[in-house]
Protein backbone atom coordinates (compact mmCIF):
# COMPACT_ATOMS: atom_id res chain seq x y z
CA UNK A 1 0.00 0.00 0.00
CA UNK A 2 2.94 2.32 0.57
CA UNK A 3 4.55 1.37 -2.74
CA UNK A 4 1.67 2.90 -4.73
CA UNK A 5 2.17 6.45 -3.31
CA UNK A 6 5.90 6.15 -3.86
CA UNK A 7 5.36 5.13 -7.49
CA UNK A 8 2.91 7.99 -7.98
CA UNK A 9 5.36 10.40 -6.35
CA UNK A 10 8.19 9.24 -8.62
CA UNK A 11 5.98 9.68 -11.67
CA UNK A 12 5.05 13.17 -10.49
CA UNK A 13 8.69 14.10 -9.92
CA UNK A 14 9.61 12.78 -13.39
CA UNK A 15 6.86 14.85 -15.00
CA UNK A 16 7.86 17.94 -13.02
CA UNK A 17 11.51 17.34 -14.01
CA UNK A 18 10.58 17.34 -17.71
CA UNK A 19 8.54 20.50 -17.21
CA UNK A 20 11.46 22.05 -15.31
CA UNK A 21 13.88 21.27 -18.15
CA UNK A 22 11.47 22.84 -20.64
CA UNK A 23 10.97 25.88 -18.38
CA UNK A 24 14.75 26.32 -17.96
CA UNK A 25 15.32 26.13 -21.70
CA UNK A 26 12.53 28.62 -22.31
CA UNK A 27 13.85 30.99 -19.65
CA UNK A 28 17.37 31.09 -21.07
CA UNK A 29 16.00 31.41 -24.59
CA UNK A 30 14.18 34.55 -23.46
CA UNK A 31 17.25 35.84 -21.66
CA UNK A 32 19.67 35.31 -24.55
CA UNK A 33 17.50 36.08 -27.58
CA UNK A 34 15.26 38.88 -26.38
CA UNK A 35 15.83 42.40 -25.02
CA UNK A 36 16.17 40.82 -21.55
CA UNK A 37 19.87 40.34 -22.41
CA UNK A 38 20.57 43.92 -21.41
CA UNK A 39 18.81 43.72 -18.03
CA UNK A 40 19.83 42.79 -14.49
CA UNK A 41 18.18 39.40 -14.94
CA UNK A 42 20.81 38.44 -17.51
CA UNK A 43 23.67 39.51 -15.24
CA UNK A 44 22.34 37.68 -12.19
CA UNK A 45 21.61 34.37 -13.96
CA UNK A 46 24.36 33.92 -16.56
CA UNK A 47 27.65 34.96 -14.92
CA UNK A 48 28.69 31.48 -13.75
CA UNK A 49 27.78 27.81 -14.24
CA UNK A 50 26.49 27.65 -10.65
CA UNK A 51 23.82 30.18 -11.54
CA UNK A 52 22.61 27.93 -14.35
CA UNK A 53 22.27 25.09 -11.86
CA UNK A 54 20.36 27.31 -9.42
CA UNK A 55 17.96 28.46 -12.15
CA UNK A 56 17.42 24.87 -13.33
CA UNK A 57 16.66 23.66 -9.79
CA UNK A 58 14.34 26.63 -9.25
CA UNK A 59 12.40 25.86 -12.45
CA UNK A 60 12.14 22.21 -11.45
CA UNK A 61 10.81 23.07 -7.98
CA UNK A 62 8.48 25.72 -9.43
CA UNK A 63 6.92 23.18 -11.82
CA UNK A 64 6.40 20.80 -8.90
CA UNK A 65 4.66 23.60 -6.97
CA UNK A 66 2.40 24.40 -9.93
CA UNK A 67 1.43 20.73 -10.29
CA UNK A 68 0.47 20.59 -6.61
CA UNK A 69 -1.52 23.82 -6.85
CA UNK A 70 -3.34 22.45 -9.90
CA UNK A 71 -4.33 19.35 -7.89
CA UNK A 72 -5.90 21.30 -4.99
CA UNK A 73 -9.23 22.13 -6.75
CA UNK A 74 -9.73 18.45 -7.55
CA UNK A 75 -9.17 17.52 -3.89
CA UNK A 76 -11.60 20.23 -2.74
CA UNK A 77 -14.30 18.97 -5.12
CA UNK A 78 -13.70 15.41 -3.96
CA UNK A 79 -14.20 16.50 -0.33
CA UNK A 80 -17.61 17.97 -1.19
CA UNK A 81 -18.74 14.83 -3.00
CA UNK A 82 -21.35 12.53 -1.39
CA UNK A 83 -19.31 9.37 -0.96
CA UNK A 84 -21.35 7.25 1.46
CA UNK A 85 -25.09 6.93 2.17
CA UNK A 86 -26.48 8.11 5.46
CA UNK A 87 -26.33 5.48 8.19
CA UNK A 88 -28.71 4.64 11.02
CA UNK A 89 -26.65 3.09 13.77
CA UNK A 90 -23.96 0.47 13.32
CA UNK A 91 -23.94 -1.75 10.25
CA UNK A 92 -22.70 -5.30 9.74
CA UNK A 93 -19.17 -5.65 8.46
CA UNK A 94 -20.54 -7.37 5.35
CA UNK A 95 -21.89 -4.00 4.17
CA UNK A 96 -18.31 -2.83 3.60
CA UNK A 97 -18.22 -4.65 0.26
CA UNK A 98 -21.30 -2.76 -0.98
CA UNK A 99 -19.76 0.53 0.12
CA UNK A 100 -16.49 -0.39 -1.59
CA UNK A 101 -18.38 -1.16 -4.80
CA UNK A 102 -20.04 2.24 -4.47
CA UNK A 103 -16.61 3.88 -4.25
CA UNK A 104 -15.41 1.95 -7.30
CA UNK A 105 -18.46 3.11 -9.27
CA UNK A 106 -17.36 6.73 -8.94
CA UNK A 107 -15.42 8.50 -11.74
CA UNK A 108 -11.73 7.74 -11.95
CA UNK A 109 -10.62 11.24 -10.94
CA UNK A 110 -12.60 10.87 -7.70
CA UNK A 111 -11.07 7.47 -7.00
CA UNK A 112 -7.57 8.92 -7.56
CA UNK A 113 -8.15 11.73 -5.06
CA UNK A 114 -6.77 11.54 -1.52
CA UNK A 115 -10.16 10.94 0.05
CA UNK A 116 -11.02 8.32 -2.57
CA UNK A 117 -7.81 6.40 -1.86
CA UNK A 118 -8.35 6.70 1.90
CA UNK A 119 -11.92 5.36 1.65
CA UNK A 120 -10.79 2.52 -0.61
CA UNK A 121 -8.05 1.51 1.83
CA UNK A 122 -10.33 1.78 4.88
CA UNK A 123 -13.21 -0.23 3.37
CA UNK A 124 -10.81 -2.72 1.80
CA UNK A 125 -9.47 -3.55 5.28
CA UNK A 126 -12.95 -4.47 6.56
CA UNK A 127 -13.78 -6.36 3.36
CA UNK A 128 -10.62 -8.45 3.45
CA UNK A 129 -10.77 -9.15 7.19
CA UNK A 130 -14.52 -9.67 7.39
CA UNK A 131 -14.73 -7.88 10.73
CA UNK A 132 -14.18 -4.42 12.17
CA UNK A 133 -11.67 -5.52 14.81
CA UNK A 134 -8.65 -3.19 15.13
CA UNK A 135 -10.44 -0.82 12.77
CA UNK A 136 -9.60 2.27 14.82
CA UNK A 137 -5.88 1.44 14.72
CA UNK A 138 -6.03 0.88 10.98
CA UNK A 139 -7.73 4.23 10.39
CA UNK A 140 -5.10 5.93 12.53
CA UNK A 141 -2.39 4.17 10.53
CA UNK A 142 -3.93 5.44 7.28
CA UNK A 143 -4.05 8.99 8.69
CA UNK A 144 -0.39 8.82 9.73
CA UNK A 145 0.51 7.38 6.34
CA UNK A 146 -1.22 10.26 4.56
CA UNK A 147 0.63 12.77 6.76
CA UNK A 148 3.91 11.06 5.94
CA UNK A 149 3.16 10.97 2.22
CA UNK A 150 2.10 14.61 2.28
CA UNK A 151 5.32 15.59 4.03
CA UNK A 152 7.52 13.50 1.74
CA UNK A 153 5.80 14.85 -1.40
CA UNK A 154 7.44 18.21 -0.69
CA UNK A 155 10.95 16.73 -0.58
CA UNK A 156 11.94 18.30 -3.89
CA UNK A 157 10.81 21.75 -2.80
CA UNK A 158 12.65 21.38 0.51
CA UNK A 159 15.73 20.20 -1.34
CA UNK A 160 15.66 23.19 -3.70
CA UNK A 161 15.05 25.69 -0.89
CA UNK A 162 17.86 24.10 1.16
CA UNK A 163 20.49 23.58 -1.52
CA UNK A 164 20.04 26.94 -3.29
CA UNK A 165 21.81 29.02 -0.58
CA UNK A 166 24.63 26.46 -0.48
CA UNK A 167 25.04 26.74 -4.24
CA UNK A 168 25.01 30.52 -3.93
CA UNK A 169 27.80 30.46 -1.38
CA UNK A 170 29.66 27.93 -3.54
CA UNK A 171 29.40 30.23 -6.56
CA UNK A 172 30.61 33.15 -4.49
CA UNK A 173 33.61 31.17 -3.25
CA UNK A 174 34.39 30.07 -6.80
CA UNK A 175 34.24 33.69 -7.95
CA UNK A 176 36.58 34.73 -5.16
CA UNK A 177 38.96 31.89 -5.98
CA UNK A 178 38.97 32.75 -9.65
CA UNK A 179 39.60 36.41 -8.90
CA UNK A 180 42.46 35.76 -6.47
CA UNK A 181 44.13 32.83 -8.22
CA UNK A 182 47.53 33.49 -9.82
CA UNK A 183 47.95 36.92 -8.23
CA UNK A 184 51.30 37.73 -6.69
CA UNK A 185 52.02 40.58 -4.35
CA UNK A 186 53.83 42.45 -7.08
CA UNK A 187 50.85 42.14 -9.50
CA UNK A 188 48.27 43.06 -6.89
CA UNK A 189 48.24 46.75 -7.72
CA UNK A 190 47.95 46.17 -11.45
CA UNK A 191 45.21 43.51 -11.21
CA UNK A 192 43.27 45.13 -8.36
CA UNK A 193 40.48 46.54 -10.60
CA UNK A 194 39.84 43.09 -12.12
CA UNK A 195 39.86 41.47 -8.69
CA UNK A 196 37.34 44.00 -7.37
CA UNK A 197 35.12 43.43 -10.44
CA UNK A 198 35.21 39.66 -9.93
CA UNK A 199 34.39 40.07 -6.24
CA UNK A 200 31.43 42.31 -7.11
CA UNK A 201 29.97 39.77 -9.53
CA UNK A 202 30.62 36.97 -7.02
CA UNK A 203 27.69 38.11 -4.88
CA UNK A 204 25.30 37.91 -7.85
CA UNK A 205 25.27 34.14 -7.44
CA UNK A 206 24.37 34.48 -3.76
CA UNK A 207 21.59 36.92 -4.58
CA UNK A 208 20.12 34.58 -7.21
CA UNK A 209 20.33 31.61 -4.85
CA UNK A 210 18.71 33.44 -1.93
CA UNK A 211 15.87 34.69 -4.16
CA UNK A 212 15.22 31.15 -5.38
CA UNK A 213 15.37 29.78 -1.82
CA UNK A 214 12.95 32.41 -0.48
CA UNK A 215 10.49 31.75 -3.30
CA UNK A 216 10.63 28.00 -2.70
CA UNK A 217 10.19 28.42 1.06
CA UNK A 218 7.13 30.62 0.61
CA UNK A 219 5.64 28.18 -1.92
CA UNK A 220 6.38 25.32 0.48
CA UNK A 221 4.61 27.13 3.33
CA UNK A 222 1.48 27.92 1.31
CA UNK A 223 1.15 24.55 -0.42
CA UNK A 224 1.90 22.51 2.68
CA UNK A 225 -0.62 24.49 4.72
CA UNK A 226 -3.34 23.95 2.10
CA UNK A 227 -2.59 20.25 1.76
CA UNK A 228 -2.48 19.78 5.52
CA UNK A 229 -5.94 21.34 5.74
CA UNK A 230 -7.19 18.91 3.09
CA UNK A 231 -5.67 15.93 4.95
CA UNK A 232 -7.23 17.05 8.25
CA UNK A 233 -10.62 17.43 6.54
CA UNK A 234 -10.25 13.87 5.24
CA UNK A 235 -9.40 12.68 8.77
CA UNK A 236 -12.55 14.30 10.15
CA UNK A 237 -14.67 12.78 7.39
CA UNK A 238 -13.26 9.29 8.00
CA UNK A 239 -13.76 9.63 11.74
CA UNK A 240 -17.35 10.78 11.29
CA UNK A 241 -18.42 8.27 8.63
CA UNK A 242 -16.31 5.12 9.16
CA UNK A 243 -14.92 5.00 12.70
CA UNK A 244 -18.16 3.83 14.35
CA UNK A 245 -19.97 2.58 11.27
CA UNK A 246 -19.42 -1.19 11.55
CA UNK A 247 -20.28 -3.63 14.30
CA UNK A 248 -17.44 -5.01 16.41
CA UNK A 249 -17.86 -8.58 17.69
CA UNK A 250 -15.74 -10.11 20.44
CA UNK A 251 -14.90 -13.82 19.70
CA UNK A 252 -15.32 -14.71 23.38
CA UNK A 253 -18.99 -13.76 23.38
CA UNK A 254 -19.93 -15.24 20.01
CA UNK A 255 -21.62 -18.35 21.58
CA UNK A 256 -23.70 -16.11 23.83
CA UNK A 257 -24.53 -13.93 20.87
CA UNK A 258 -25.71 -16.96 18.89
CA UNK A 259 -27.93 -18.05 21.80
CA UNK A 260 -29.32 -14.54 22.19
CA UNK A 261 -29.82 -14.30 18.44
CA UNK A 262 -31.74 -17.60 18.31
CA UNK A 263 -33.84 -16.54 21.31
CA UNK A 264 -34.53 -13.22 19.65
CA UNK A 265 -35.52 -14.98 16.44
CA UNK A 266 -37.94 -17.25 18.33
CA UNK A 267 -39.36 -14.28 20.20
CA UNK A 268 -39.73 -12.36 16.96
CA UNK A 269 -41.46 -15.35 15.34
CA UNK A 270 -43.85 -15.64 18.31
CA UNK A 271 -44.50 -11.93 18.24
CA UNK A 272 -45.09 -12.14 14.50
CA UNK A 273 -47.62 -14.97 14.93
CA UNK A 274 -49.41 -13.17 17.75
CA UNK A 275 -49.41 -9.96 15.79
CA UNK A 276 -50.88 -11.66 12.73
CA UNK A 277 -53.66 -13.22 14.85
CA UNK A 278 -54.35 -9.90 16.52
CA UNK A 279 -54.43 -8.21 13.13
CA UNK A 280 -56.98 -10.77 11.89
CA UNK A 281 -59.15 -10.19 14.98
CA UNK A 282 -58.89 -6.44 14.50
CA UNK A 283 -59.75 -6.88 10.85
CA UNK A 284 -62.90 -8.87 11.61
CA UNK A 285 -63.91 -6.42 14.32
CA UNK A 286 -63.40 -3.48 12.03
CA UNK A 287 -65.36 -5.23 9.27
CA UNK A 288 -68.27 -5.76 11.67
CA UNK A 289 -68.08 -2.15 12.84
CA UNK A 290 -67.96 -0.90 9.27
CA UNK A 291 -70.93 -3.14 8.36
CA UNK A 292 -72.93 -1.69 11.26
CA UNK A 293 -71.94 1.77 10.18
CA UNK A 294 -73.15 0.98 6.66
CA UNK A 295 -76.49 -0.35 7.93
CA UNK A 296 -76.98 2.62 10.20
CA UNK A 297 -76.06 4.93 7.39
CA UNK A 298 -78.57 3.24 5.08
CA UNK A 299 -81.28 3.51 7.77
CA UNK A 300 -80.49 7.17 8.36
CA UNK A 301 -80.48 7.72 4.62
CA UNK A 302 -83.94 6.19 4.31
CA UNK A 303 -85.20 8.27 7.25
CA UNK A 304 -83.81 11.41 5.69
CA UNK A 305 -85.38 10.45 2.38
CA UNK A 306 -88.81 10.00 3.99
CA UNK A 307 -88.44 13.26 5.90
CA UNK A 308 -87.45 15.05 2.71
CA UNK A 309 -90.45 13.57 0.88
CA UNK A 310 -92.81 14.71 3.66
CA UNK A 311 -91.22 18.13 3.70
CA UNK A 312 -91.50 18.38 -0.06
CA UNK A 313 -95.17 17.34 0.08
CA UNK A 314 -95.83 19.96 2.74
CA UNK A 315 -94.12 22.56 0.65
CA UNK A 316 -96.24 21.57 -2.34
CA UNK A 317 -99.46 21.75 -0.25
CA UNK A 318 -98.40 25.09 1.14
CA UNK A 319 -97.63 26.36 -2.35
CA UNK A 320 -101.04 25.12 -3.55
CA UNK A 321 -102.88 26.82 -0.65
CA UNK A 322 -100.87 29.93 -1.17
CA UNK A 323 -101.75 29.95 -4.86
CA UNK A 324 -105.46 29.47 -4.06
CA UNK A 325 -105.39 32.26 -1.49
CA UNK A 326 -103.61 34.47 -3.92
CA UNK A 327 -106.23 33.68 -6.56
CA UNK A 328 -109.04 34.48 -4.13
CA UNK A 329 -107.32 37.68 -3.09
CA UNK A 330 -106.95 38.68 -6.73
CA UNK A 331 -110.65 37.92 -7.36
CA UNK A 332 -111.67 39.98 -4.34
CA UNK A 333 -109.41 42.80 -5.45
CA UNK A 334 -110.96 42.64 -8.90
CA UNK A 335 -114.49 42.77 -7.38
CA UNK A 336 -113.56 45.65 -5.12
CA UNK A 337 -111.99 47.41 -8.04
CA UNK A 338 -115.11 46.93 -10.15
CA UNK A 339 -117.31 48.20 -7.29
CA UNK A 340 -115.00 51.14 -6.82
CA UNK A 341 -115.11 51.88 -10.53
CA UNK A 342 -118.92 51.69 -10.51
CA UNK A 343 -119.04 54.02 -7.49
CA UNK A 344 -116.69 56.41 -9.21
CA UNK A 345 -118.84 56.25 -12.34
CA UNK A 346 -122.00 56.91 -10.28
CA UNK A 347 -120.27 59.79 -8.51
CA UNK A 348 -119.20 61.23 -11.83
CA UNK A 349 -122.76 60.93 -13.13
CA UNK A 350 -124.10 62.64 -10.00
CA UNK A 351 -121.44 65.32 -10.36
CA UNK A 352 -122.56 65.86 -13.94
CA UNK A 353 -126.18 66.03 -12.76
CA UNK A 354 -125.23 68.53 -10.03
CA UNK A 355 -123.40 70.54 -12.65
CA UNK A 356 -126.51 70.52 -14.78
CA UNK A 357 -128.64 71.52 -11.75
CA UNK A 358 -126.31 74.38 -11.00
CA UNK A 359 -126.53 75.46 -14.59
CA UNK A 360 -130.34 75.40 -14.42
CA UNK A 361 -130.24 77.27 -11.11
CA UNK A 362 -128.01 79.88 -12.65
CA UNK A 363 -130.42 80.27 -15.53
CA UNK A 364 -133.31 80.52 -13.07
CA UNK A 365 -131.52 83.17 -11.08
CA UNK A 366 -130.82 85.09 -14.22
CA UNK A 367 -134.47 84.86 -15.05
CA UNK A 368 -135.34 86.07 -11.54
CA UNK A 369 -132.86 88.92 -11.86
CA UNK A 370 -134.44 90.00 -15.10
CA UNK A 371 -137.80 89.92 -13.41
CA UNK A 372 -136.65 92.10 -10.43
CA UNK A 373 -138.44 95.17 -11.80
CA UNK A 374 -141.73 93.45 -11.53
CA UNK A 375 -141.12 92.42 -7.92
CA UNK A 376 -142.54 95.67 -6.47
CA UNK A 377 -145.65 95.29 -8.45
CA UNK A 378 -145.87 91.73 -7.37
CA UNK A 379 -145.40 92.82 -3.75
CA UNK A 380 -148.16 95.37 -4.09
CA UNK A 381 -150.33 92.76 -5.64
CA UNK A 382 -149.45 90.44 -2.81
CA UNK A 383 -150.34 93.14 -0.29
CA UNK A 384 -153.63 93.61 -1.95
CA UNK A 385 -154.08 89.88 -2.04
CA UNK A 386 -153.21 89.70 1.66
CA UNK A 387 -155.65 92.31 2.43
CA UNK A 388 -158.21 90.51 0.37
CA UNK A 389 -157.29 87.29 2.12
CA UNK A 390 -157.70 88.98 5.45
CA UNK A 391 -160.88 90.13 4.34
CA UNK A 392 -161.88 86.83 3.14
CA UNK A 393 -160.19 85.19 6.17
CA UNK A 394 -158.15 82.88 4.05
CA UNK A 395 -155.23 83.14 6.42
CA UNK A 396 -153.54 79.88 5.49
CA UNK A 397 -153.31 80.64 1.85
CA UNK A 398 -152.02 84.08 2.60
CA UNK A 399 -149.32 82.66 4.82
CA UNK A 400 -148.23 80.36 2.09
CA UNK A 401 -148.04 83.22 -0.34
CA UNK A 402 -146.05 85.26 2.16
CA UNK A 403 -143.61 82.45 2.62
CA UNK A 404 -143.08 82.24 -1.10
CA UNK A 405 -142.48 85.95 -1.28
CA UNK A 406 -139.92 85.74 1.48
CA UNK A 407 -138.13 82.97 -0.36
CA UNK A 408 -138.04 85.06 -3.47
CA UNK A 409 -136.55 87.99 -1.60
CA UNK A 410 -133.94 85.77 -0.06
CA UNK A 411 -133.03 84.34 -3.44
CA UNK A 412 -132.67 87.83 -4.86
CA UNK A 413 -130.30 88.86 -2.09
CA UNK A 414 -128.17 85.69 -2.57
CA UNK A 415 -127.89 86.08 -6.34
CA UNK A 416 -124.33 87.65 -6.39
CA UNK A 417 -122.98 84.85 -4.22
CA UNK A 418 -124.44 82.19 -6.48
CA UNK A 419 -123.04 83.91 -9.57
CA UNK A 420 -119.52 83.89 -8.08
CA UNK A 421 -119.84 80.18 -7.26
CA UNK A 422 -121.08 79.44 -10.78
CA UNK A 423 -118.19 81.37 -12.29
CA UNK A 424 -115.71 79.43 -10.13
């Protein structure tokens, strides 16, 4: 199990080495064949063979860092993936094979992730052993192994960050040795400018090496921190999902467990039989209750039907009586209306007759008014007649004549009033 990570690590280092060679070649192609030749970068990376080695190691380590950074998104996505179904309590160890098949059914990039490999190794242990004994120790071993592999995967970066300063000091020493070699005391004054120039360029190698070492150390810090967080997240996931997932059986209590299991099976069978009988009894009871409910419902339905029929008949009778009463009321109203019309007609006829009487009275009064001049003569004649009547002692007839005369006088005095009424 440890040989597979080592093989993968070697393959990764070989791929990063090829990328580093290509990056080094590209870098020096830019430095030599572009305007970068006249910059500080050219002077700091091409003065000595040691600087070429430092740049090559830096490119190799940088490619390894980029490969690790490119793998982090895949690991993050794998951590968010739903790997295992939700569990309810402990499961038998035999379920590990089904879970392992579920892991193998995932896409290949998920299986190649750190969490995929950890789950495969953890479930494979239970599948091969057939029990969950010593499972906690095995999970701890897998966690320690991942920590070790994570630490060892940064060996190249640590090597580059550690050897770069040494190479820088080596280049500086070589520069000093080259500058001071073959110089005698007599030639010191003449060759002093060249020695000073060589000593000045000697520190360029140290500067290049320290810059490469600082970059590698920072990359190591960032990448190792991210990967350690991923490994710790995997540890928490394994502890939550697998540590207490499977049943652990002690061999010393297996006989007792078999006895308890057989007793439980018998008890469950007895309970099952009793429950089936009870369910049958409940079924028959419920059928009887439902049948009674149906009968009662039918009886109530019939009663409601009869009541509705009676109510409908009463409504029909009431409607019939109401219609008859309405018809009688209409007949009475018609009779009353006819009587009223006849009374109105009679009244109108009487009013017409009264109007005619008033017209005749008016004509009579006019006639009386025209005959007013003859009233004095008539009065004189009446006086003579009264005297004659006295003489002849016909008192009754005279009284009647006097009464008529009085009426005539009264009518004459009331003539203006009657004319105003007639005009109105």
